[in-house]
Amino acid sequence: MLRAISRFFEERLLDRGDVPADAHEHALRLATAALTVEALRADYQVGASEREAALAGLASIFELGREETEQLLTLAEQEADEGTSLFQFTHLIDRHYPREDKVRVIELLWRVAYADGHKDAHEEHLIRKVADLLHLPHSEFIRARLRVEESLQAD
């Protein structure tokens, strides 16, 4: 996995100086994107609006351009296909992201879940499971959902 991550970032980003040459950071980004893919697939229907929400969220969090974000999501889809559990992705994030960044990941997953206009029970279950694996209290899980709901109502 780290070889593919390193190659992706070396070819697309490092020569521009956009991201550090730290493989750990690359793995964290891919883990976040892989969780986003899991949220995309949670209701067994990947719609264009959900994919667009995933791309926009990843681009915003990691400050990437459209092409780099699409390539990151494609690589994450491959990793999610090969992954055996959420733990391999959440473990990296839990160990290396501060609480605020973990909450941002949960908010991203909520945005993807709501992108098609409704929240599916499978999506909510997945996001709750990810929040638990990131050791976020239930109150953070709920507050993240409410913030996303409020922002979507304001749009």
N, C-alpha and C. Protein backbone atom coordinates (compact mmCIF):
# COMPACT_ATOMS: atom_id res chain seq x y z
N MET A 1 0.82 -1.19 0.00
CA MET A 1 0.00 0.00 0.00
C MET A 1 0.87 1.26 0.00
N LEU A 2 1.87 1.31 0.85
CA LEU A 2 2.69 2.53 0.94
C LEU A 2 3.42 2.84 -0.36
N ARG A 3 3.79 1.81 -1.11
CA ARG A 3 4.47 2.05 -2.38
C ARG A 3 3.54 2.77 -3.36
N ALA A 4 2.30 2.31 -3.46
CA ALA A 4 1.32 2.95 -4.35
C ALA A 4 1.04 4.38 -3.90
N ILE A 5 0.94 4.57 -2.61
CA ILE A 5 0.69 5.91 -2.08
C ILE A 5 1.86 6.83 -2.41
N SER A 6 3.05 6.36 -2.13
CA SER A 6 4.23 7.19 -2.39
C SER A 6 4.35 7.54 -3.86
N ARG A 7 4.11 6.54 -4.73
CA ARG A 7 4.20 6.80 -6.17
C ARG A 7 3.16 7.84 -6.59
N PHE A 8 1.94 7.71 -6.10
CA PHE A 8 0.89 8.67 -6.43
C PHE A 8 1.31 10.09 -6.03
N PHE A 9 1.78 10.25 -4.81
CA PHE A 9 2.12 11.59 -4.35
C PHE A 9 3.39 12.12 -5.01
N GLU A 10 4.35 11.24 -5.28
CA GLU A 10 5.56 11.70 -5.96
C GLU A 10 5.25 12.18 -7.37
N GLU A 11 4.45 11.40 -8.09
CA GLU A 11 4.14 11.75 -9.48
C GLU A 11 3.26 12.99 -9.58
N ARG A 12 2.32 13.16 -8.69
CA ARG A 12 1.31 14.19 -8.83
C ARG A 12 1.52 15.44 -7.99
N LEU A 13 2.16 15.27 -6.84
CA LEU A 13 2.14 16.40 -5.92
C LEU A 13 3.51 16.87 -5.43
N LEU A 14 4.41 15.97 -5.19
CA LEU A 14 5.65 16.37 -4.55
C LEU A 14 6.48 17.32 -5.38
N ASP A 15 6.46 17.17 -6.69
CA ASP A 15 7.26 18.05 -7.51
C ASP A 15 6.73 19.48 -7.48
N ARG A 16 5.48 19.66 -7.07
CA ARG A 16 4.92 21.00 -6.92
C ARG A 16 5.08 21.51 -5.51
N GLY A 17 5.51 20.65 -4.59
CA GLY A 17 5.70 21.08 -3.22
C GLY A 17 4.41 21.23 -2.44
N ASP A 18 3.32 20.59 -2.90
CA ASP A 18 2.03 20.76 -2.23
C ASP A 18 1.90 19.98 -0.93
N VAL A 19 2.57 18.85 -0.83
CA VAL A 19 2.46 18.04 0.37
C VAL A 19 3.83 17.61 0.83
N PRO A 20 3.99 17.30 2.11
CA PRO A 20 5.27 16.84 2.60
C PRO A 20 5.60 15.45 2.05
N ALA A 21 6.87 15.13 2.04
CA ALA A 21 7.32 13.84 1.51
C ALA A 21 7.24 12.76 2.58
N ASP A 22 6.29 12.83 3.47
CA ASP A 22 6.13 11.90 4.57
C ASP A 22 5.13 10.81 4.20
N ALA A 23 5.58 9.60 4.12
CA ALA A 23 4.71 8.49 3.73
C ALA A 23 3.57 8.29 4.72
N HIS A 24 3.82 8.62 5.99
CA HIS A 24 2.76 8.50 7.00
C HIS A 24 1.59 9.42 6.66
N GLU A 25 1.91 10.63 6.26
CA GLU A 25 0.86 11.59 5.89
C GLU A 25 0.09 11.08 4.68
N HIS A 26 0.79 10.49 3.74
CA HIS A 26 0.14 9.94 2.56
C HIS A 26 -0.80 8.81 2.96
N ALA A 27 -0.36 7.96 3.86
CA ALA A 27 -1.19 6.85 4.32
C ALA A 27 -2.43 7.37 5.04
N LEU A 28 -2.28 8.43 5.81
CA LEU A 28 -3.42 9.02 6.50
C LEU A 28 -4.44 9.57 5.49
N ARG A 29 -3.95 10.21 4.46
CA ARG A 29 -4.85 10.73 3.43
C ARG A 29 -5.58 9.60 2.72
N LEU A 30 -4.87 8.56 2.41
CA LEU A 30 -5.50 7.44 1.73
C LEU A 30 -6.50 6.74 2.65
N ALA A 31 -6.17 6.62 3.92
CA ALA A 31 -7.09 6.02 4.88
C ALA A 31 -8.38 6.84 4.97
N THR A 32 -8.24 8.15 5.02
CA THR A 32 -9.41 9.03 5.05
C THR A 32 -10.24 8.86 3.79
N ALA A 33 -9.58 8.82 2.65
CA ALA A 33 -10.29 8.65 1.37
C ALA A 33 -10.95 7.27 1.31
N ALA A 34 -10.30 6.24 1.85
CA ALA A 34 -10.89 4.90 1.83
C ALA A 34 -12.15 4.85 2.70
N LEU A 35 -12.15 5.54 3.83
CA LEU A 35 -13.37 5.62 4.65
C LEU A 35 -14.47 6.35 3.89
N THR A 36 -14.08 7.34 3.12
CA THR A 36 -15.05 8.07 2.30
C THR A 36 -15.66 7.13 1.26
N VAL A 37 -14.85 6.29 0.69
CA VAL A 37 -15.35 5.30 -0.28
C VAL A 37 -16.33 4.35 0.41
N GLU A 38 -16.01 3.94 1.62
CA GLU A 38 -16.92 3.07 2.36
C GLU A 38 -18.27 3.76 2.58
N ALA A 39 -18.24 5.06 2.88
CA ALA A 39 -19.49 5.81 3.05
C ALA A 39 -20.24 5.90 1.72
N LEU A 40 -19.51 6.07 0.63
CA LEU A 40 -20.14 6.10 -0.69
C LEU A 40 -20.90 4.81 -0.97
N ARG A 41 -20.34 3.72 -0.57
CA ARG A 41 -20.88 2.41 -0.89
C ARG A 41 -21.86 1.87 0.16
N ALA A 42 -22.00 2.55 1.28
CA ALA A 42 -22.76 2.01 2.41
C ALA A 42 -24.20 1.69 2.08
N ASP A 43 -24.84 2.50 1.24
CA ASP A 43 -26.24 2.25 0.89
C ASP A 43 -26.38 1.45 -0.41
N TYR A 44 -25.28 0.95 -0.90
CA TYR A 44 -25.24 0.10 -2.10
C TYR A 44 -25.62 0.82 -3.38
N GLN A 45 -25.65 2.14 -3.32
CA GLN A 45 -25.93 2.94 -4.51
C GLN A 45 -24.98 4.13 -4.51
N VAL A 46 -24.06 4.15 -5.43
CA VAL A 46 -23.12 5.27 -5.53
C VAL A 46 -23.63 6.21 -6.61
N GLY A 47 -24.22 7.31 -6.15
CA GLY A 47 -24.75 8.29 -7.08
C GLY A 47 -23.73 9.37 -7.38
N ALA A 48 -23.98 10.10 -8.44
CA ALA A 48 -23.08 11.18 -8.85
C ALA A 48 -22.98 12.25 -7.77
N SER A 49 -24.08 12.55 -7.10
CA SER A 49 -24.06 13.59 -6.07
C SER A 49 -23.20 13.16 -4.88
N GLU A 50 -23.26 11.89 -4.53
CA GLU A 50 -22.43 11.40 -3.43
C GLU A 50 -20.95 11.41 -3.80
N ARG A 51 -20.65 10.98 -5.00
CA ARG A 51 -19.25 10.98 -5.45
C ARG A 51 -18.71 12.41 -5.49
N GLU A 52 -19.53 13.33 -5.95
CA GLU A 52 -19.11 14.74 -6.00
C GLU A 52 -18.88 15.30 -4.60
N ALA A 53 -19.74 14.92 -3.65
CA ALA A 53 -19.55 15.35 -2.26
C ALA A 53 -18.25 14.79 -1.70
N ALA A 54 -17.94 13.54 -2.03
CA ALA A 54 -16.69 12.94 -1.58
C ALA A 54 -15.49 13.68 -2.16
N LEU A 55 -15.54 13.94 -3.44
CA LEU A 55 -14.43 14.66 -4.09
C LEU A 55 -14.26 16.06 -3.49
N ALA A 56 -15.36 16.77 -3.33
CA ALA A 56 -15.29 18.13 -2.78
C ALA A 56 -14.76 18.11 -1.36
N GLY A 57 -15.22 17.16 -0.57
CA GLY A 57 -14.76 17.08 0.82
C GLY A 57 -13.29 16.75 0.92
N LEU A 58 -12.83 15.78 0.15
CA LEU A 58 -11.41 15.42 0.18
C LEU A 58 -10.54 16.56 -0.34
N ALA A 59 -10.99 17.22 -1.39
CA ALA A 59 -10.23 18.35 -1.94
C ALA A 59 -10.11 19.45 -0.90
N SER A 60 -11.17 19.70 -0.17
CA SER A 60 -11.16 20.75 0.85
C SER A 60 -10.25 20.39 2.02
N ILE A 61 -10.39 19.19 2.52
CA ILE A 61 -9.59 18.77 3.69
C ILE A 61 -8.10 18.77 3.36
N PHE A 62 -7.75 18.26 2.20
CA PHE A 62 -6.33 18.09 1.87
C PHE A 62 -5.78 19.16 0.93
N GLU A 63 -6.62 20.11 0.55
CA GLU A 63 -6.22 21.21 -0.32
C GLU A 63 -5.58 20.69 -1.61
N LEU A 64 -6.33 19.82 -2.30
CA LEU A 64 -5.88 19.23 -3.55
C LEU A 64 -6.70 19.76 -4.71
N GLY A 65 -6.11 19.72 -5.89
CA GLY A 65 -6.84 20.07 -7.10
C GLY A 65 -7.75 18.93 -7.50
N ARG A 66 -8.58 19.18 -8.48
CA ARG A 66 -9.58 18.20 -8.93
C ARG A 66 -8.93 16.90 -9.40
N GLU A 67 -7.92 17.01 -10.25
CA GLU A 67 -7.28 15.81 -10.79
C GLU A 67 -6.63 14.97 -9.70
N GLU A 68 -5.92 15.63 -8.78
CA GLU A 68 -5.27 14.90 -7.69
C GLU A 68 -6.31 14.23 -6.79
N THR A 69 -7.41 14.93 -6.55
CA THR A 69 -8.45 14.37 -5.70
C THR A 69 -9.10 13.17 -6.36
N GLU A 70 -9.36 13.25 -7.65
CA GLU A 70 -9.94 12.10 -8.36
C GLU A 70 -8.99 10.91 -8.32
N GLN A 71 -7.71 11.16 -8.47
CA GLN A 71 -6.75 10.05 -8.42
C GLN A 71 -6.66 9.47 -7.00
N LEU A 72 -6.71 10.33 -6.00
CA LEU A 72 -6.72 9.84 -4.62
C LEU A 72 -7.95 8.98 -4.37
N LEU A 73 -9.11 9.42 -4.83
CA LEU A 73 -10.33 8.65 -4.63
C LEU A 73 -10.27 7.31 -5.38
N THR A 74 -9.72 7.31 -6.56
CA THR A 74 -9.56 6.06 -7.32
C THR A 74 -8.64 5.09 -6.59
N LEU A 75 -7.53 5.60 -6.08
CA LEU A 75 -6.61 4.77 -5.31
C LEU A 75 -7.29 4.26 -4.05
N ALA A 76 -8.09 5.11 -3.41
CA ALA A 76 -8.82 4.71 -2.20
C ALA A 76 -9.84 3.63 -2.51
N GLU A 77 -10.47 3.71 -3.67
CA GLU A 77 -11.43 2.67 -4.07
C GLU A 77 -10.72 1.32 -4.19
N GLN A 78 -9.53 1.32 -4.74
CA GLN A 78 -8.75 0.09 -4.85
C GLN A 78 -8.38 -0.44 -3.46
N GLU A 79 -7.97 0.46 -2.57
CA GLU A 79 -7.61 0.05 -1.21
C GLU A 79 -8.83 -0.48 -0.47
N ALA A 80 -9.97 0.17 -0.64
CA ALA A 80 -11.20 -0.29 0.02
C ALA A 80 -11.60 -1.66 -0.51
N ASP A 81 -11.41 -1.90 -1.81
CA ASP A 81 -11.72 -3.21 -2.39
C ASP A 81 -10.85 -4.30 -1.78
N GLU A 82 -9.60 -3.97 -1.51
CA GLU A 82 -8.66 -4.95 -0.98
C GLU A 82 -8.69 -5.04 0.54
N GLY A 83 -9.23 -4.03 1.20
CA GLY A 83 -9.27 -4.00 2.65
C GLY A 83 -10.20 -5.04 3.22
N THR A 84 -9.86 -5.51 4.40
CA THR A 84 -10.67 -6.53 5.05
C THR A 84 -11.55 -5.97 6.16
N SER A 85 -11.21 -4.77 6.64
CA SER A 85 -12.02 -4.17 7.69
C SER A 85 -11.77 -2.66 7.74
N LEU A 86 -12.63 -1.98 8.45
CA LEU A 86 -12.45 -0.54 8.65
C LEU A 86 -11.26 -0.25 9.54
N PHE A 87 -10.90 -1.22 10.37
CA PHE A 87 -9.85 -1.00 11.36
C PHE A 87 -8.53 -0.57 10.74
N GLN A 88 -8.16 -1.16 9.61
CA GLN A 88 -6.87 -0.80 9.01
C GLN A 88 -6.82 0.68 8.65
N PHE A 89 -7.96 1.26 8.32
CA PHE A 89 -8.02 2.68 7.97
C PHE A 89 -8.19 3.55 9.21
N THR A 90 -9.10 3.15 10.09
CA THR A 90 -9.36 3.97 11.28
C THR A 90 -8.19 3.96 12.25
N HIS A 91 -7.46 2.87 12.28
CA HIS A 91 -6.31 2.78 13.19
C HIS A 91 -5.28 3.87 12.90
N LEU A 92 -4.96 4.07 11.63
CA LEU A 92 -4.01 5.12 11.27
C LEU A 92 -4.52 6.50 11.67
N ILE A 93 -5.77 6.76 11.37
CA ILE A 93 -6.35 8.06 11.68
C ILE A 93 -6.42 8.27 13.19
N ASP A 94 -6.85 7.25 13.91
CA ASP A 94 -6.97 7.36 15.36
C ASP A 94 -5.63 7.64 16.03
N ARG A 95 -4.60 6.99 15.55
CA ARG A 95 -3.28 7.16 16.16
C ARG A 95 -2.60 8.48 15.82
N HIS A 96 -2.92 9.05 14.65
CA HIS A 96 -2.13 10.18 14.17
C HIS A 96 -2.88 11.49 13.96
N TYR A 97 -4.19 11.45 13.96
CA TYR A 97 -4.95 12.69 13.79
C TYR A 97 -5.38 13.22 15.16
N PRO A 98 -5.33 14.52 15.34
CA PRO A 98 -5.90 15.09 16.57
C PRO A 98 -7.43 14.98 16.52
N ARG A 99 -8.06 15.16 17.66
CA ARG A 99 -9.52 15.03 17.76
C ARG A 99 -10.25 15.87 16.72
N GLU A 100 -9.80 17.10 16.50
CA GLU A 100 -10.47 18.00 15.55
C GLU A 100 -10.48 17.42 14.14
N ASP A 101 -9.37 16.81 13.74
CA ASP A 101 -9.31 16.21 12.41
C ASP A 101 -10.19 14.96 12.31
N LYS A 102 -10.27 14.21 13.40
CA LYS A 102 -11.17 13.05 13.41
C LYS A 102 -12.62 13.51 13.21
N VAL A 103 -12.97 14.59 13.87
CA VAL A 103 -14.33 15.13 13.73
C VAL A 103 -14.56 15.58 12.28
N ARG A 104 -13.56 16.17 11.65
CA ARG A 104 -13.69 16.58 10.25
C ARG A 104 -13.92 15.38 9.35
N VAL A 105 -13.29 14.26 9.65
CA VAL A 105 -13.51 13.03 8.88
C VAL A 105 -14.96 12.59 9.03
N ILE A 106 -15.48 12.61 10.25
CA ILE A 106 -16.87 12.22 10.47
C ILE A 106 -17.81 13.17 9.75
N GLU A 107 -17.52 14.46 9.77
CA GLU A 107 -18.35 15.42 9.04
C GLU A 107 -18.32 15.14 7.54
N LEU A 108 -17.16 14.79 7.02
CA LEU A 108 -17.06 14.44 5.60
C LEU A 108 -17.94 13.24 5.28
N LEU A 109 -17.91 12.24 6.14
CA LEU A 109 -18.73 11.06 5.91
C LEU A 109 -20.22 11.40 5.95
N TRP A 110 -20.61 12.29 6.86
CA TRP A 110 -22.01 12.73 6.89
C TRP A 110 -22.38 13.48 5.61
N ARG A 111 -21.48 14.31 5.11
CA ARG A 111 -21.77 15.05 3.87
C ARG A 111 -22.00 14.08 2.71
N VAL A 112 -21.19 13.05 2.65
CA VAL A 112 -21.36 12.04 1.61
C VAL A 112 -22.70 11.33 1.79
N ALA A 113 -23.03 10.99 3.02
CA ALA A 113 -24.28 10.29 3.29
C ALA A 113 -25.50 11.11 2.89
N TYR A 114 -25.45 12.40 3.13
CA TYR A 114 -26.60 13.27 2.83
C TYR A 114 -26.59 13.80 1.39
N ALA A 115 -25.57 13.53 0.63
CA ALA A 115 -25.45 14.11 -0.71
C ALA A 115 -26.59 13.73 -1.64
N ASP A 116 -27.17 12.56 -1.43
CA ASP A 116 -28.28 12.14 -2.29
C ASP A 116 -29.65 12.58 -1.75
N GLY A 117 -29.63 13.39 -0.71
CA GLY A 117 -30.88 13.94 -0.19
C GLY A 117 -31.49 13.22 0.99
N HIS A 118 -30.94 12.07 1.34
CA HIS A 118 -31.45 11.36 2.51
C HIS A 118 -30.35 10.52 3.15
N LYS A 119 -30.59 10.19 4.41
CA LYS A 119 -29.64 9.39 5.19
C LYS A 119 -30.17 7.96 5.26
N ASP A 120 -29.39 7.02 4.79
CA ASP A 120 -29.72 5.62 4.82
C ASP A 120 -29.25 5.02 6.15
N ALA A 121 -29.96 4.04 6.66
CA ALA A 121 -29.59 3.40 7.93
C ALA A 121 -28.21 2.76 7.86
N HIS A 122 -27.85 2.22 6.70
CA HIS A 122 -26.51 1.62 6.54
C HIS A 122 -25.42 2.68 6.64
N GLU A 123 -25.71 3.85 6.07
CA GLU A 123 -24.73 4.96 6.13
C GLU A 123 -24.54 5.41 7.57
N GLU A 124 -25.64 5.57 8.28
CA GLU A 124 -25.54 6.01 9.68
C GLU A 124 -24.79 4.98 10.52
N HIS A 125 -25.08 3.71 10.29
CA HIS A 125 -24.37 2.64 11.01
C HIS A 125 -22.87 2.70 10.75
N LEU A 126 -22.51 2.86 9.49
CA LEU A 126 -21.08 2.93 9.14
C LEU A 126 -20.41 4.12 9.83
N ILE A 127 -21.04 5.27 9.77
CA ILE A 127 -20.43 6.47 10.35
C ILE A 127 -20.32 6.32 11.86
N ARG A 128 -21.31 5.73 12.49
CA ARG A 128 -21.26 5.49 13.93
C ARG A 128 -20.11 4.55 14.26
N LYS A 129 -19.95 3.52 13.46
CA LYS A 129 -18.86 2.56 13.68
C LYS A 129 -17.50 3.24 13.52
N VAL A 130 -17.36 4.07 12.51
CA VAL A 130 -16.10 4.79 12.30
C VAL A 130 -15.83 5.72 13.49
N ALA A 131 -16.86 6.44 13.93
CA ALA A 131 -16.69 7.34 15.08
C ALA A 131 -16.24 6.55 16.31
N ASP A 132 -16.82 5.39 16.52
CA ASP A 132 -16.41 4.54 17.65
C ASP A 132 -14.95 4.11 17.51
N LEU A 133 -14.57 3.68 16.30
CA LEU A 133 -13.19 3.23 16.08
C LEU A 133 -12.19 4.38 16.20
N LEU A 134 -12.65 5.61 15.99
CA LEU A 134 -11.80 6.78 16.17
C LEU A 134 -11.84 7.29 17.61
N HIS A 135 -12.55 6.56 18.46
CA HIS A 135 -12.67 6.90 19.88
C HIS A 135 -13.27 8.28 20.10
N LEU A 136 -14.24 8.63 19.26
CA LEU A 136 -14.97 9.87 19.45
C LEU A 136 -16.23 9.56 20.27
N PRO A 137 -16.53 10.40 21.23
CA PRO A 137 -17.75 10.17 22.02
C PRO A 137 -19.00 10.34 21.16
N HIS A 138 -20.07 9.71 21.62
CA HIS A 138 -21.34 9.79 20.88
C HIS A 138 -21.77 11.23 20.66
N SER A 139 -21.49 12.10 21.63
CA SER A 139 -21.87 13.50 21.49
C SER A 139 -21.17 14.17 20.30
N GLU A 140 -19.93 13.81 20.03
CA GLU A 140 -19.21 14.35 18.85
C GLU A 140 -19.83 13.84 17.56
N PHE A 141 -20.21 12.58 17.55
CA PHE A 141 -20.88 11.97 16.41
C PHE A 141 -22.17 12.72 16.09
N ILE A 142 -22.96 12.99 17.11
CA ILE A 142 -24.23 13.71 16.94
C ILE A 142 -23.99 15.15 16.52
N ARG A 143 -23.06 15.84 17.19
CA ARG A 143 -22.79 17.25 16.84
C ARG A 143 -22.30 17.38 15.41
N ALA A 144 -21.47 16.43 14.96
CA ALA A 144 -21.00 16.46 13.57
C ALA A 144 -22.17 16.33 12.61
N ARG A 145 -23.07 15.41 12.90
CA ARG A 145 -24.25 15.23 12.04
C ARG A 145 -25.11 16.49 12.02
N LEU A 146 -25.33 17.08 13.18
CA LEU A 146 -26.16 18.28 13.25
C LEU A 146 -25.52 19.46 12.50
N ARG A 147 -24.20 19.60 12.61
CA ARG A 147 -23.52 20.67 11.86
C ARG A 147 -23.70 20.49 10.36
N VAL A 148 -23.56 19.27 9.89
CA VAL A 148 -23.74 19.02 8.46
C VAL A 148 -25.19 19.26 8.05
N GLU A 149 -26.13 18.78 8.84
CA GLU A 149 -27.55 19.02 8.52
C GLU A 149 -27.86 20.51 8.45
N GLU A 150 -27.35 21.26 9.43
CA GLU A 150 -27.59 22.72 9.44
C GLU A 150 -26.97 23.40 8.24
N SER A 151 -25.76 22.99 7.88
CA SER A 151 -25.09 23.63 6.73
C SER A 151 -25.82 23.30 5.43
N LEU A 152 -26.36 22.11 5.33
CA LEU A 152 -27.11 21.72 4.12
C LEU A 152 -28.44 22.45 4.04
N GLN A 153 -29.07 22.71 5.17
CA GLN A 153 -30.32 23.47 5.17
C GLN A 153 -30.07 24.93 4.81
N ALA A 154 -28.90 25.44 5.18
CA ALA A 154 -28.56 26.84 4.87
C ALA A 154 -28.27 27.02 3.39
N ASP A 155 -27.85 25.96 2.71
CA ASP A 155 -27.51 26.05 1.27
C ASP A 155 -28.69 26.18 0.43
